Amino acid sequence: MMAKQSLLQAFKNAFAGIVYCTRFERNIKIQIAAAFIAGGLAWWLKLDRYEIAILLLTVVIVLVVEMINTVVEAIVDIVSPEFHPLAKIAKDIAAGAVLISAACSLLVGYLLFSGKIWS
């Protein structure tokens, strides 16, 4: 059993995980770019604080689901280095969760931005 780590070490490890994803995961980079575009659009359209909160939650959910997908892929690759149908199912389901969250974020963005753009 591993010794309990300090709070500072736990934060360092969490930050290292975030850095890993932003450096090596293509989809995280794309989603961060989309988040900056959405943030710029929110600023330009002068969304109110509730709309910004909804947008922020939506963006964070997509990023968190993508990070969980990365974890699933890494664990599956360790446990099943060769192809296995169940490993494929696990990876496909995790990727599907990302797709659903990203599609939902597009819908939320449309609902938040469209009324202000067309008015």
PDB file of N, CA and C in Angstrom:
ATOM      1  N   MET A   1       0.844  -1.188   0.000  1.00  0.00           N
ATOM      2  CA  MET A   1       0.000   0.000   0.000  1.00  0.00           C
ATOM      3  C   MET A   1       0.882   1.242   0.000  1.00  0.00           C
ATOM      4  N   MET A   2       0.521   2.189  -0.839  1.00  0.00           N
ATOM      5  CA  MET A   2       1.301   3.418  -0.938  1.00  0.00           C
ATOM      6  C   MET A   2       1.032   4.315   0.262  1.00  0.00           C
ATOM      7  N   ALA A   3       2.072   5.064   0.660  1.00  0.00           N
ATOM      8  CA  ALA A   3       1.909   6.024   1.743  1.00  0.00           C
ATOM      9  C   ALA A   3       1.001   7.154   1.279  1.00  0.00           C
ATOM     10  N   LYS A   4       0.260   7.708   2.230  1.00  0.00           N
ATOM     11  CA  LYS A   4      -0.642   8.810   1.893  1.00  0.00           C
ATOM     12  C   LYS A   4       0.188  10.024   1.506  1.00  0.00           C
ATOM     13  N   GLN A   5      -0.159  10.631   0.385  1.00  0.00           N
ATOM     14  CA  GLN A   5       0.594  11.790  -0.096  1.00  0.00           C
ATOM     15  C   GLN A   5       0.070  13.076   0.536  1.00  0.00           C
ATOM     16  N   SER A   6       0.920  14.076   0.558  1.00  0.00           N
ATOM     17  CA  SER A   6       0.518  15.372   1.103  1.00  0.00           C
ATOM     18  C   SER A   6      -0.468  16.050   0.155  1.00  0.00           C
ATOM     19  N   LEU A   7      -1.166  17.031   0.683  1.00  0.00           N
ATOM     20  CA  LEU A   7      -2.105  17.789  -0.135  1.00  0.00           C
ATOM     21  C   LEU A   7      -1.378  18.487  -1.277  1.00  0.00           C
ATOM     22  N   LEU A   8      -0.207  19.031  -0.983  1.00  0.00           N
ATOM     23  CA  LEU A   8       0.585  19.696  -2.018  1.00  0.00           C
ATOM     24  C   LEU A   8       0.954  18.715  -3.127  1.00  0.00           C
ATOM     25  N   GLN A   9       1.372  17.505  -2.750  1.00  0.00           N
ATOM     26  CA  GLN A   9       1.731  16.503  -3.756  1.00  0.00           C
ATOM     27  C   GLN A   9       0.510  16.093  -4.574  1.00  0.00           C
ATOM     28  N   ALA A  10      -0.640  16.002  -3.927  1.00  0.00           N
ATOM     29  CA  ALA A  10      -1.871  15.657  -4.648  1.00  0.00           C
ATOM     30  C   ALA A  10      -2.187  16.717  -5.702  1.00  0.00           C
ATOM     31  N   PHE A  11      -2.016  17.993  -5.342  1.00  0.00           N
ATOM     32  CA  PHE A  11      -2.245  19.068  -6.316  1.00  0.00           C
ATOM     33  C   PHE A  11      -1.219  19.020  -7.442  1.00  0.00           C
ATOM     34  N   LYS A  12       0.031  18.713  -7.104  1.00  0.00           N
ATOM     35  CA  LYS A  12       1.073  18.597  -8.135  1.00  0.00           C
ATOM     36  C   LYS A  12       0.726  17.478  -9.113  1.00  0.00           C
ATOM     37  N   ASN A  13       0.273  16.349  -8.591  1.00  0.00           N
ATOM     38  CA  ASN A  13      -0.100  15.220  -9.448  1.00  0.00           C
ATOM     39  C   ASN A  13      -1.293  15.575 -10.340  1.00  0.00           C
ATOM     40  N   ALA A  14      -2.267  16.255  -9.765  1.00  0.00           N
ATOM     41  CA  ALA A  14      -3.437  16.663 -10.551  1.00  0.00           C
ATOM     42  C   ALA A  14      -3.016  17.620 -11.664  1.00  0.00           C
ATOM     43  N   PHE A  15      -2.164  18.568 -11.335  1.00  0.00           N
ATOM     44  CA  PHE A  15      -1.689  19.521 -12.335  1.00  0.00           C
ATOM     45  C   PHE A  15      -0.897  18.797 -13.426  1.00  0.00           C
ATOM     46  N   ALA A  16      -0.088  17.794 -13.029  1.00  0.00           N
ATOM     47  CA  ALA A  16       0.677  17.012 -14.014  1.00  0.00           C
ATOM     48  C   ALA A  16      -0.262  16.294 -14.981  1.00  0.00           C
ATOM     49  N   GLY A  17      -1.392  15.809 -14.479  1.00  0.00           N
ATOM     50  CA  GLY A  17      -2.373  15.164 -15.348  1.00  0.00           C
ATOM     51  C   GLY A  17      -2.978  16.135 -16.348  1.00  0.00           C
ATOM     52  N   ILE A  18      -3.261  17.339 -15.880  1.00  0.00           N
ATOM     53  CA  ILE A  18      -3.805  18.365 -16.774  1.00  0.00           C
ATOM     54  C   ILE A  18      -2.778  18.735 -17.835  1.00  0.00           C
ATOM     55  N   VAL A  19      -1.534  18.919 -17.406  1.00  0.00           N
ATOM     56  CA  VAL A  19      -0.463  19.267 -18.351  1.00  0.00           C
ATOM     57  C   VAL A  19      -0.285  18.156 -19.380  1.00  0.00           C
ATOM     58  N   TYR A  20      -0.302  16.899 -18.930  1.00  0.00           N
ATOM     59  CA  TYR A  20      -0.163  15.774 -19.866  1.00  0.00           C
ATOM     60  C   TYR A  20      -1.241  15.852 -20.945  1.00  0.00           C
ATOM     61  N   CYS A  21      -2.475  16.031 -20.515  1.00  0.00           N
ATOM     62  CA  CYS A  21      -3.575  16.073 -21.490  1.00  0.00           C
ATOM     63  C   CYS A  21      -3.417  17.225 -22.469  1.00  0.00           C
ATOM     64  N   THR A  22      -3.023  18.390 -21.969  1.00  0.00           N
ATOM     65  CA  THR A  22      -2.909  19.539 -22.866  1.00  0.00           C
ATOM     66  C   THR A  22      -1.718  19.425 -23.802  1.00  0.00           C
ATOM     67  N   ARG A  23      -0.723  18.637 -23.427  1.00  0.00           N
ATOM     68  CA  ARG A  23       0.450  18.479 -24.293  1.00  0.00           C
ATOM     69  C   ARG A  23       0.287  17.355 -25.305  1.00  0.00           C
ATOM     70  N   PHE A  24      -0.367  16.268 -24.911  1.00  0.00           N
ATOM     71  CA  PHE A  24      -0.331  15.065 -25.738  1.00  0.00           C
ATOM     72  C   PHE A  24      -1.677  14.624 -26.314  1.00  0.00           C
ATOM     73  N   GLU A  25      -2.759  15.195 -25.866  1.00  0.00           N
ATOM     74  CA  GLU A  25      -4.074  14.764 -26.347  1.00  0.00           C
ATOM     75  C   GLU A  25      -4.632  15.782 -27.341  1.00  0.00           C
ATOM     76  N   ARG A  26      -4.679  15.399 -28.599  1.00  0.00           N
ATOM     77  CA  ARG A  26      -5.134  16.290 -29.669  1.00  0.00           C
ATOM     78  C   ARG A  26      -6.529  16.846 -29.408  1.00  0.00           C
ATOM     79  N   ASN A  27      -7.442  15.985 -28.994  1.00  0.00           N
ATOM     80  CA  ASN A  27      -8.824  16.437 -28.821  1.00  0.00           C
ATOM     81  C   ASN A  27      -8.961  17.458 -27.696  1.00  0.00           C
ATOM     82  N   ILE A  28      -8.169  17.326 -26.656  1.00  0.00           N
ATOM     83  CA  ILE A  28      -8.190  18.329 -25.575  1.00  0.00           C
ATOM     84  C   ILE A  28      -7.752  19.679 -26.138  1.00  0.00           C
ATOM     85  N   LYS A  29      -6.720  19.664 -26.978  1.00  0.00           N
ATOM     86  CA  LYS A  29      -6.254  20.922 -27.579  1.00  0.00           C
ATOM     87  C   LYS A  29      -7.361  21.563 -28.412  1.00  0.00           C
ATOM     88  N   ILE A  30      -8.060  20.748 -29.188  1.00  0.00           N
ATOM     89  CA  ILE A  30      -9.166  21.255 -30.005  1.00  0.00           C
ATOM     90  C   ILE A  30     -10.267  21.820 -29.108  1.00  0.00           C
ATOM     91  N   GLN A  31     -10.591  21.105 -28.042  1.00  0.00           N
ATOM     92  CA  GLN A  31     -11.660  21.547 -27.153  1.00  0.00           C
ATOM     93  C   GLN A  31     -11.276  22.814 -26.388  1.00  0.00           C
ATOM     94  N   ILE A  32     -10.003  22.943 -26.026  1.00  0.00           N
ATOM     95  CA  ILE A  32      -9.551  24.175 -25.366  1.00  0.00           C
ATOM     96  C   ILE A  32      -9.640  25.348 -26.340  1.00  0.00           C
ATOM     97  N   ALA A  33      -9.248  25.121 -27.589  1.00  0.00           N
ATOM     98  CA  ALA A  33      -9.371  26.184 -28.600  1.00  0.00           C
ATOM     99  C   ALA A  33     -10.834  26.585 -28.771  1.00  0.00           C
ATOM    100  N   ALA A  34     -11.718  25.602 -28.828  1.00  0.00           N
ATOM    101  CA  ALA A  34     -13.154  25.893 -28.950  1.00  0.00           C
ATOM    102  C   ALA A  34     -13.653  26.657 -27.727  1.00  0.00           C
ATOM    103  N   ALA A  35     -13.129  26.322 -26.555  1.00  0.00           N
ATOM    104  CA  ALA A  35     -13.526  27.022 -25.327  1.00  0.00           C
ATOM    105  C   ALA A  35     -13.109  28.488 -25.379  1.00  0.00           C
ATOM    106  N   PHE A  36     -11.900  28.750 -25.886  1.00  0.00           N
ATOM    107  CA  PHE A  36     -11.453  30.140 -26.013  1.00  0.00           C
ATOM    108  C   PHE A  36     -12.309  30.907 -27.027  1.00  0.00           C
ATOM    109  N   ILE A  37     -12.662  30.250 -28.114  1.00  0.00           N
ATOM    110  CA  ILE A  37     -13.535  30.887 -29.105  1.00  0.00           C
ATOM    111  C   ILE A  37     -14.897  31.197 -28.479  1.00  0.00           C
ATOM    112  N   ALA A  38     -15.444  30.218 -27.744  1.00  0.00           N
ATOM    113  CA  ALA A  38     -16.738  30.430 -27.082  1.00  0.00           C
ATOM    114  C   ALA A  38     -16.637  31.548 -26.045  1.00  0.00           C
ATOM    115  N   GLY A  39     -15.529  31.578 -25.313  1.00  0.00           N
ATOM    116  CA  GLY A  39     -15.334  32.648 -24.330  1.00  0.00           C
ATOM    117  C   GLY A  39     -15.246  34.014 -24.984  1.00  0.00           C
ATOM    118  N   GLY A  40     -14.524  34.087 -26.093  1.00  0.00           N
ATOM    119  CA  GLY A  40     -14.439  35.350 -26.830  1.00  0.00           C
ATOM    120  C   GLY A  40     -15.791  35.790 -27.360  1.00  0.00           C
ATOM    121  N   LEU A  41     -16.542  34.829 -27.864  1.00  0.00           N
ATOM    122  CA  LEU A  41     -17.883  35.133 -28.362  1.00  0.00           C
ATOM    123  C   LEU A  41     -18.797  35.588 -27.220  1.00  0.00           C
ATOM    124  N   ALA A  42     -18.663  34.942 -26.068  1.00  0.00           N
ATOM    125  CA  ALA A  42     -19.462  35.330 -24.898  1.00  0.00           C
ATOM    126  C   ALA A  42     -19.137  36.758 -24.476  1.00  0.00           C
ATOM    127  N   TRP A  43     -17.869  37.110 -24.509  1.00  0.00           N
ATOM    128  CA  TRP A  43     -17.450  38.473 -24.154  1.00  0.00           C
ATOM    129  C   TRP A  43     -17.990  39.470 -25.180  1.00  0.00           C
ATOM    130  N   TRP A  44     -17.832  39.140 -26.463  1.00  0.00           N
ATOM    131  CA  TRP A  44     -18.257  40.028 -27.547  1.00  0.00           C
ATOM    132  C   TRP A  44     -19.770  40.266 -27.519  1.00  0.00           C
ATOM    133  N   LEU A  45     -20.510  39.187 -27.237  1.00  0.00           N
ATOM    134  CA  LEU A  45     -21.973  39.293 -27.209  1.00  0.00           C
ATOM    135  C   LEU A  45     -22.502  39.757 -25.853  1.00  0.00           C
ATOM    136  N   LYS A  46     -21.606  39.959 -24.908  1.00  0.00           N
ATOM    137  CA  LYS A  46     -21.965  40.444 -23.571  1.00  0.00           C
ATOM    138  C   LYS A  46     -22.997  39.542 -22.881  1.00  0.00           C
ATOM    139  N   LEU A  47     -22.668  38.243 -22.817  1.00  0.00           N
ATOM    140  CA  LEU A  47     -23.549  37.331 -22.092  1.00  0.00           C
ATOM    141  C   LEU A  47     -23.597  37.743 -20.628  1.00  0.00           C
ATOM    142  N   ASP A  48     -24.734  37.504 -19.983  1.00  0.00           N
ATOM    143  CA  ASP A  48     -24.819  37.822 -18.555  1.00  0.00           C
ATOM    144  C   ASP A  48     -24.129  36.723 -17.744  1.00  0.00           C
ATOM    145  N   ARG A  49     -24.018  36.936 -16.450  1.00  0.00           N
ATOM    146  CA  ARG A  49     -23.231  36.003 -15.630  1.00  0.00           C
ATOM    147  C   ARG A  49     -23.848  34.615 -15.569  1.00  0.00           C
ATOM    148  N   TYR A  50     -25.161  34.506 -15.671  1.00  0.00           N
ATOM    149  CA  TYR A  50     -25.791  33.192 -15.661  1.00  0.00           C
ATOM    150  C   TYR A  50     -25.504  32.440 -16.964  1.00  0.00           C
ATOM    151  N   GLU A  51     -25.542  33.152 -18.050  1.00  0.00           N
ATOM    152  CA  GLU A  51     -25.211  32.536 -19.339  1.00  0.00           C
ATOM    153  C   GLU A  51     -23.743  32.112 -19.364  1.00  0.00           C
ATOM    154  N   ILE A  52     -22.871  32.939 -18.804  1.00  0.00           N
ATOM    155  CA  ILE A  52     -21.451  32.584 -18.736  1.00  0.00           C
ATOM    156  C   ILE A  52     -21.252  31.368 -17.842  1.00  0.00           C
ATOM    157  N   ALA A  53     -21.995  31.294 -16.737  1.00  0.00           N
ATOM    158  CA  ALA A  53     -21.893  30.130 -15.851  1.00  0.00           C
ATOM    159  C   ALA A  53     -22.315  28.858 -16.583  1.00  0.00           C
ATOM    160  N   ILE A  54     -23.394  28.935 -17.343  1.00  0.00           N
ATOM    161  CA  ILE A  54     -23.849  27.774 -18.118  1.00  0.00           C
ATOM    162  C   ILE A  54     -22.793  27.381 -19.146  1.00  0.00           C
ATOM    163  N   LEU A  55     -22.249  28.365 -19.833  1.00  0.00           N
ATOM    164  CA  LEU A  55     -21.208  28.100 -20.827  1.00  0.00           C
ATOM    165  C   LEU A  55     -19.980  27.472 -20.172  1.00  0.00           C
ATOM    166  N   LEU A  56     -19.560  28.018 -19.039  1.00  0.00           N
ATOM    167  CA  LEU A  56     -18.389  27.497 -18.334  1.00  0.00           C
ATOM    168  C   LEU A  56     -18.609  26.059 -17.881  1.00  0.00           C
ATOM    169  N   LEU A  57     -19.768  25.776 -17.309  1.00  0.00           N
ATOM    170  CA  LEU A  57     -20.065  24.405 -16.889  1.00  0.00           C
ATOM    171  C   LEU A  57     -20.051  23.448 -18.074  1.00  0.00           C
ATOM    172  N   THR A  58     -20.606  23.873 -19.177  1.00  0.00           N
ATOM    173  CA  THR A  58     -20.640  23.037 -20.377  1.00  0.00           C
ATOM    174  C   THR A  58     -19.233  22.734 -20.870  1.00  0.00           C
ATOM    175  N   VAL A  59     -18.395  23.754 -20.928  1.00  0.00           N
ATOM    176  CA  VAL A  59     -17.010  23.578 -21.383  1.00  0.00           C
ATOM    177  C   VAL A  59     -16.258  22.646 -20.441  1.00  0.00           C
ATOM    178  N   VAL A  60     -16.418  22.858 -19.144  1.00  0.00           N
ATOM    179  CA  VAL A  60     -15.711  22.028 -18.163  1.00  0.00           C
ATOM    180  C   VAL A  60     -16.167  20.575 -18.257  1.00  0.00           C
ATOM    181  N   ILE A  61     -17.454  20.349 -18.435  1.00  0.00           N
ATOM    182  CA  ILE A  61     -17.950  18.974 -18.560  1.00  0.00           C
ATOM    183  C   ILE A  61     -17.296  18.275 -19.742  1.00  0.00           C
ATOM    184  N   VAL A  62     -17.213  18.942 -20.880  1.00  0.00           N
ATOM    185  CA  VAL A  62     -16.586  18.332 -22.059  1.00  0.00           C
ATOM    186  C   VAL A  62     -15.123  18.001 -21.770  1.00  0.00           C
ATOM    187  N   LEU A  63     -14.396  18.928 -21.162  1.00  0.00           N
ATOM    188  CA  LEU A  63     -12.977  18.684 -20.873  1.00  0.00           C
ATOM    189  C   LEU A  63     -12.797  17.542 -19.876  1.00  0.00           C
ATOM    190  N   VAL A  64     -13.634  17.496 -18.852  1.00  0.00           N
ATOM    191  CA  VAL A  64     -13.534  16.425 -17.857  1.00  0.00           C
ATOM    192  C   VAL A  64     -13.861  15.073 -18.486  1.00  0.00           C
ATOM    193  N   VAL A  65     -14.902  15.016 -19.295  1.00  0.00           N
ATOM    194  CA  VAL A  65     -15.255  13.750 -19.955  1.00  0.00           C
ATOM    195  C   VAL A  65     -14.125  13.309 -20.884  1.00  0.00           C
ATOM    196  N   GLU A  66     -13.507  14.245 -21.580  1.00  0.00           N
ATOM    197  CA  GLU A  66     -12.371  13.906 -22.447  1.00  0.00           C
ATOM    198  C   GLU A  66     -11.200  13.367 -21.622  1.00  0.00           C
ATOM    199  N   MET A  67     -10.956  13.951 -20.459  1.00  0.00           N
ATOM    200  CA  MET A  67      -9.877  13.453 -19.599  1.00  0.00           C
ATOM    201  C   MET A  67     -10.198  12.051 -19.082  1.00  0.00           C
ATOM    202  N   ILE A  68     -11.453  11.806 -18.713  1.00  0.00           N
ATOM    203  CA  ILE A  68     -11.850  10.465 -18.281  1.00  0.00           C
ATOM    204  C   ILE A  68     -11.690   9.477 -19.431  1.00  0.00           C
ATOM    205  N   ASN A  69     -12.018   9.887 -20.643  1.00  0.00           N
ATOM    206  CA  ASN A  69     -11.803   9.047 -21.818  1.00  0.00           C
ATOM    207  C   ASN A  69     -10.326   8.687 -21.965  1.00  0.00           C
ATOM    208  N   THR A  70      -9.452   9.651 -21.728  1.00  0.00           N
ATOM    209  CA  THR A  70      -8.011   9.400 -21.801  1.00  0.00           C
ATOM    210  C   THR A  70      -7.592   8.373 -20.753  1.00  0.00           C
ATOM    211  N   VAL A  71      -8.159   8.479 -19.556  1.00  0.00           N
ATOM    212  CA  VAL A  71      -7.867   7.514 -18.491  1.00  0.00           C
ATOM    213  C   VAL A  71      -8.325   6.117 -18.904  1.00  0.00           C
ATOM    214  N   VAL A  72      -9.541   6.017 -19.425  1.00  0.00           N
ATOM    215  CA  VAL A  72     -10.068   4.715 -19.857  1.00  0.00           C
ATOM    216  C   VAL A  72      -9.155   4.107 -20.916  1.00  0.00           C
ATOM    217  N   GLU A  73      -8.753   4.902 -21.899  1.00  0.00           N
ATOM    218  CA  GLU A  73      -7.872   4.392 -22.948  1.00  0.00           C
ATOM    219  C   GLU A  73      -6.549   3.899 -22.375  1.00  0.00           C
ATOM    220  N   ALA A  74      -5.964   4.651 -21.442  1.00  0.00           N
ATOM    221  CA  ALA A  74      -4.683   4.255 -20.850  1.00  0.00           C
ATOM    222  C   ALA A  74      -4.821   2.960 -20.051  1.00  0.00           C
ATOM    223  N   ILE A  75      -5.867   2.860 -19.251  1.00  0.00           N
ATOM    224  CA  ILE A  75      -6.064   1.650 -18.444  1.00  0.00           C
ATOM    225  C   ILE A  75      -6.321   0.445 -19.336  1.00  0.00           C
ATOM    226  N   VAL A  76      -7.155   0.611 -20.344  1.00  0.00           N
ATOM    227  CA  VAL A  76      -7.443  -0.500 -21.256  1.00  0.00           C
ATOM    228  C   VAL A  76      -6.168  -0.940 -21.971  1.00  0.00           C
ATOM    229  N   ASP A  77      -5.339   0.009 -22.388  1.00  0.00           N
ATOM    230  CA  ASP A  77      -4.088  -0.343 -23.067  1.00  0.00           C
ATOM    231  C   ASP A  77      -3.140  -1.106 -22.145  1.00  0.00           C
ATOM    232  N   ILE A  78      -3.137  -0.780 -20.852  1.00  0.00           N
ATOM    233  CA  ILE A  78      -2.291  -1.508 -19.898  1.00  0.00           C
ATOM    234  C   ILE A  78      -2.827  -2.916 -19.678  1.00  0.00           C
ATOM    235  N   VAL A  79      -4.128  -3.020 -19.449  1.00  0.00           N
ATOM    236  CA  VAL A  79      -4.743  -4.302 -19.109  1.00  0.00           C
ATOM    237  C   VAL A  79      -4.831  -5.225 -20.318  1.00  0.00           C
ATOM    238  N   SER A  80      -5.056  -4.658 -21.492  1.00  0.00           N
ATOM    239  CA  SER A  80      -5.258  -5.462 -22.692  1.00  0.00           C
ATOM    240  C   SER A  80      -4.442  -4.896 -23.851  1.00  0.00           C
ATOM    241  N   PRO A  81      -3.113  -5.155 -23.846  1.00  0.00           N
ATOM    242  CA  PRO A  81      -2.280  -4.597 -24.918  1.00  0.00           C
ATOM    243  C   PRO A  81      -2.642  -5.142 -26.308  1.00  0.00           C
ATOM    244  N   GLU A  82      -3.140  -6.367 -26.358  1.00  0.00           N
ATOM    245  CA  GLU A  82      -3.590  -6.919 -27.633  1.00  0.00           C
ATOM    246  C   GLU A  82      -5.078  -6.602 -27.798  1.00  0.00           C
ATOM    247  N   PHE A  83      -5.536  -6.675 -29.048  1.00  0.00           N
ATOM    248  CA  PHE A  83      -6.947  -6.395 -29.306  1.00  0.00           C
ATOM    249  C   PHE A  83      -7.828  -7.374 -28.546  1.00  0.00           C
ATOM    250  N   HIS A  84      -8.869  -6.843 -27.948  1.00  0.00           N
ATOM    251  CA  HIS A  84      -9.890  -7.665 -27.311  1.00  0.00           C
ATOM    252  C   HIS A  84     -11.226  -6.951 -27.525  1.00  0.00           C
ATOM    253  N   PRO A  85     -12.270  -7.699 -27.874  1.00  0.00           N
ATOM    254  CA  PRO A  85     -13.560  -7.059 -28.147  1.00  0.00           C
ATOM    255  C   PRO A  85     -14.086  -6.233 -26.965  1.00  0.00           C
ATOM    256  N   LEU A  86     -13.865  -6.700 -25.738  1.00  0.00           N
ATOM    257  CA  LEU A  86     -14.337  -5.940 -24.580  1.00  0.00           C
ATOM    258  C   LEU A  86     -13.528  -4.660 -24.381  1.00  0.00           C
ATOM    259  N   ALA A  87     -12.243  -4.713 -24.710  1.00  0.00           N
ATOM    260  CA  ALA A  87     -11.419  -3.501 -24.635  1.00  0.00           C
ATOM    261  C   ALA A  87     -11.937  -2.471 -25.633  1.00  0.00           C
ATOM    262  N   LYS A  88     -12.297  -2.936 -26.813  1.00  0.00           N
ATOM    263  CA  LYS A  88     -12.852  -2.035 -27.831  1.00  0.00           C
ATOM    264  C   LYS A  88     -14.162  -1.422 -27.353  1.00  0.00           C
ATOM    265  N   ILE A  89     -15.000  -2.233 -26.732  1.00  0.00           N
ATOM    266  CA  ILE A  89     -16.275  -1.722 -26.222  1.00  0.00           C
ATOM    267  C   ILE A  89     -16.031  -0.625 -25.185  1.00  0.00           C
ATOM    268  N   ALA A  90     -15.100  -0.865 -24.261  1.00  0.00           N
ATOM    269  CA  ALA A  90     -14.799   0.132 -23.224  1.00  0.00           C
ATOM    270  C   ALA A  90     -14.333   1.444 -23.849  1.00  0.00           C
ATOM    271  N   LYS A  91     -13.426   1.345 -24.809  1.00  0.00           N
ATOM    272  CA  LYS A  91     -12.922   2.556 -25.469  1.00  0.00           C
ATOM    273  C   LYS A  91     -14.019   3.252 -26.272  1.00  0.00           C
ATOM    274  N   ASP A  92     -14.840   2.472 -26.960  1.00  0.00           N
ATOM    275  CA  ASP A  92     -15.914   3.055 -27.766  1.00  0.00           C
ATOM    276  C   ASP A  92     -16.952   3.766 -26.895  1.00  0.00           C
ATOM    277  N   ILE A  93     -17.279   3.171 -25.754  1.00  0.00           N
ATOM    278  CA  ILE A  93     -18.251   3.797 -24.854  1.00  0.00           C
ATOM    279  C   ILE A  93     -17.697   5.106 -24.301  1.00  0.00           C
ATOM    280  N   ALA A  94     -16.430   5.098 -23.898  1.00  0.00           N
ATOM    281  CA  ALA A  94     -15.813   6.327 -23.382  1.00  0.00           C
ATOM    282  C   ALA A  94     -15.784   7.406 -24.465  1.00  0.00           C
ATOM    283  N   ALA A  95     -15.453   7.014 -25.688  1.00  0.00           N
ATOM    284  CA  ALA A  95     -15.455   7.978 -26.795  1.00  0.00           C
ATOM    285  C   ALA A  95     -16.873   8.468 -27.079  1.00  0.00           C
ATOM    286  N   GLY A  96     -17.844   7.589 -26.947  1.00  0.00           N
ATOM    287  CA  GLY A  96     -19.237   7.986 -27.129  1.00  0.00           C
ATOM    288  C   GLY A  96     -19.678   9.012 -26.098  1.00  0.00           C
ATOM    289  N   ALA A  97     -19.201   8.861 -24.867  1.00  0.00           N
ATOM    290  CA  ALA A  97     -19.523   9.842 -23.822  1.00  0.00           C
ATOM    291  C   ALA A  97     -18.967  11.217 -24.187  1.00  0.00           C
ATOM    292  N   VAL A  98     -17.771  11.234 -24.755  1.00  0.00           N
ATOM    293  CA  VAL A  98     -17.187  12.504 -25.204  1.00  0.00           C
ATOM    294  C   VAL A  98     -18.040  13.094 -26.321  1.00  0.00           C
ATOM    295  N   LEU A  99     -18.435  12.259 -27.263  1.00  0.00           N
ATOM    296  CA  LEU A  99     -19.252  12.740 -28.380  1.00  0.00           C
ATOM    297  C   LEU A  99     -20.571  13.337 -27.894  1.00  0.00           C
ATOM    298  N   ILE A 100     -21.217  12.665 -26.960  1.00  0.00           N
ATOM    299  CA  ILE A 100     -22.486  13.176 -26.427  1.00  0.00           C
ATOM    300  C   ILE A 100     -22.274  14.508 -25.719  1.00  0.00           C
ATOM    301  N   SER A 101     -21.228  14.602 -24.888  1.00  0.00           N
ATOM    302  CA  SER A 101     -20.992  15.860 -24.164  1.00  0.00           C
ATOM    303  C   SER A 101     -20.623  16.990 -25.124  1.00  0.00           C
ATOM    304  N   ALA A 102     -19.842  16.680 -26.156  1.00  0.00           N
ATOM    305  CA  ALA A 102     -19.466  17.710 -27.132  1.00  0.00           C
ATOM    306  C   ALA A 102     -20.681  18.162 -27.946  1.00  0.00           C
ATOM    307  N   ALA A 103     -21.526  17.213 -28.343  1.00  0.00           N
ATOM    308  CA  ALA A 103     -22.732  17.572 -29.096  1.00  0.00           C
ATOM    309  C   ALA A 103     -23.659  18.428 -28.234  1.00  0.00           C
ATOM    310  N   CYS A 104     -23.787  18.069 -26.974  1.00  0.00           N
ATOM    311  CA  CYS A 104     -24.616  18.855 -26.063  1.00  0.00           C
ATOM    312  C   CYS A 104     -24.042  20.259 -25.896  1.00  0.00           C
ATOM    313  N   SER A 105     -22.713  20.362 -25.843  1.00  0.00           N
ATOM    314  CA  SER A 105     -22.100  21.687 -25.694  1.00  0.00           C
ATOM    315  C   SER A 105     -22.364  22.553 -26.928  1.00  0.00           C
ATOM    316  N   LEU A 106     -22.383  21.935 -28.099  1.00  0.00           N
ATOM    317  CA  LEU A 106     -22.726  22.690 -29.310  1.00  0.00           C
ATOM    318  C   LEU A 106     -24.158  23.209 -29.239  1.00  0.00           C
ATOM    319  N   LEU A 107     -25.056  22.374 -28.756  1.00  0.00           N
ATOM    320  CA  LEU A 107     -26.451  22.792 -28.613  1.00  0.00           C
ATOM    321  C   LEU A 107     -26.572  23.928 -27.595  1.00  0.00           C
ATOM    322  N   VAL A 108     -25.882  23.801 -26.471  1.00  0.00           N
ATOM    323  CA  VAL A 108     -25.905  24.866 -25.463  1.00  0.00           C
ATOM    324  C   VAL A 108     -25.346  26.160 -26.058  1.00  0.00           C
ATOM    325  N   GLY A 109     -24.227  26.054 -26.777  1.00  0.00           N
ATOM    326  CA  GLY A 109     -23.655  27.232 -27.424  1.00  0.00           C
ATOM    327  C   GLY A 109     -24.630  27.867 -28.397  1.00  0.00           C
ATOM    328  N   TYR A 110     -25.295  27.044 -29.183  1.00  0.00           N
ATOM    329  CA  TYR A 110     -26.290  27.563 -30.127  1.00  0.00           C
ATOM    330  C   TYR A 110     -27.395  28.310 -29.383  1.00  0.00           C
ATOM    331  N   LEU A 111     -27.897  27.700 -28.315  1.00  0.00           N
ATOM    332  CA  LEU A 111     -28.979  28.330 -27.555  1.00  0.00           C
ATOM    333  C   LEU A 111     -28.533  29.635 -26.899  1.00  0.00           C
ATOM    334  N   LEU A 112     -27.298  29.675 -26.425  1.00  0.00           N
ATOM    335  CA  LEU A 112     -26.799  30.891 -25.777  1.00  0.00           C
ATOM    336  C   LEU A 112     -26.487  31.999 -26.776  1.00  0.00           C
ATOM    337  N   PHE A 113     -25.909  31.619 -27.910  1.00  0.00           N
ATOM    338  CA  PHE A 113     -25.394  32.626 -28.840  1.00  0.00           C
ATOM    339  C   PHE A 113     -26.377  33.043 -29.927  1.00  0.00           C
ATOM    340  N   SER A 114     -27.210  32.131 -30.388  1.00  0.00           N
ATOM    341  CA  SER A 114     -28.018  32.417 -31.581  1.00  0.00           C
ATOM    342  C   SER A 114     -28.956  33.601 -31.391  1.00  0.00           C
ATOM    343  N   GLY A 115     -29.618  33.674 -30.259  1.00  0.00           N
ATOM    344  CA  GLY A 115     -30.545  34.779 -30.031  1.00  0.00           C
ATOM    345  C   GLY A 115     -29.851  36.127 -30.036  1.00  0.00           C
ATOM    346  N   LYS A 116     -28.646  36.179 -29.496  1.00  0.00           N
ATOM    347  CA  LYS A 116     -27.907  37.444 -29.443  1.00  0.00           C
ATOM    348  C   LYS A 116     -27.297  37.789 -30.798  1.00  0.00           C
ATOM    349  N   ILE A 117     -26.899  36.773 -31.548  1.00  0.00           N
ATOM    350  CA  ILE A 117     -26.301  37.029 -32.863  1.00  0.00           C
ATOM    351  C   ILE A 117     -27.360  37.534 -33.835  1.00  0.00           C
ATOM    352  N   TRP A 118     -28.547  36.909 -33.822  1.00  0.00           N
ATOM    353  CA  TRP A 118     -29.581  37.250 -34.796  1.00  0.00           C
ATOM    354  C   TRP A 118     -30.422  38.447 -34.387  1.00  0.00           C
ATOM    355  N   SER A 119     -30.218  38.968 -33.174  1.00  0.00           N
ATOM    356  CA  SER A 119     -31.044  40.124 -32.762  1.00  0.00           C
ATOM    357  C   SER A 119     -30.360  41.447 -33.040  1.00  0.00           C
TER     358      SER A 119
END
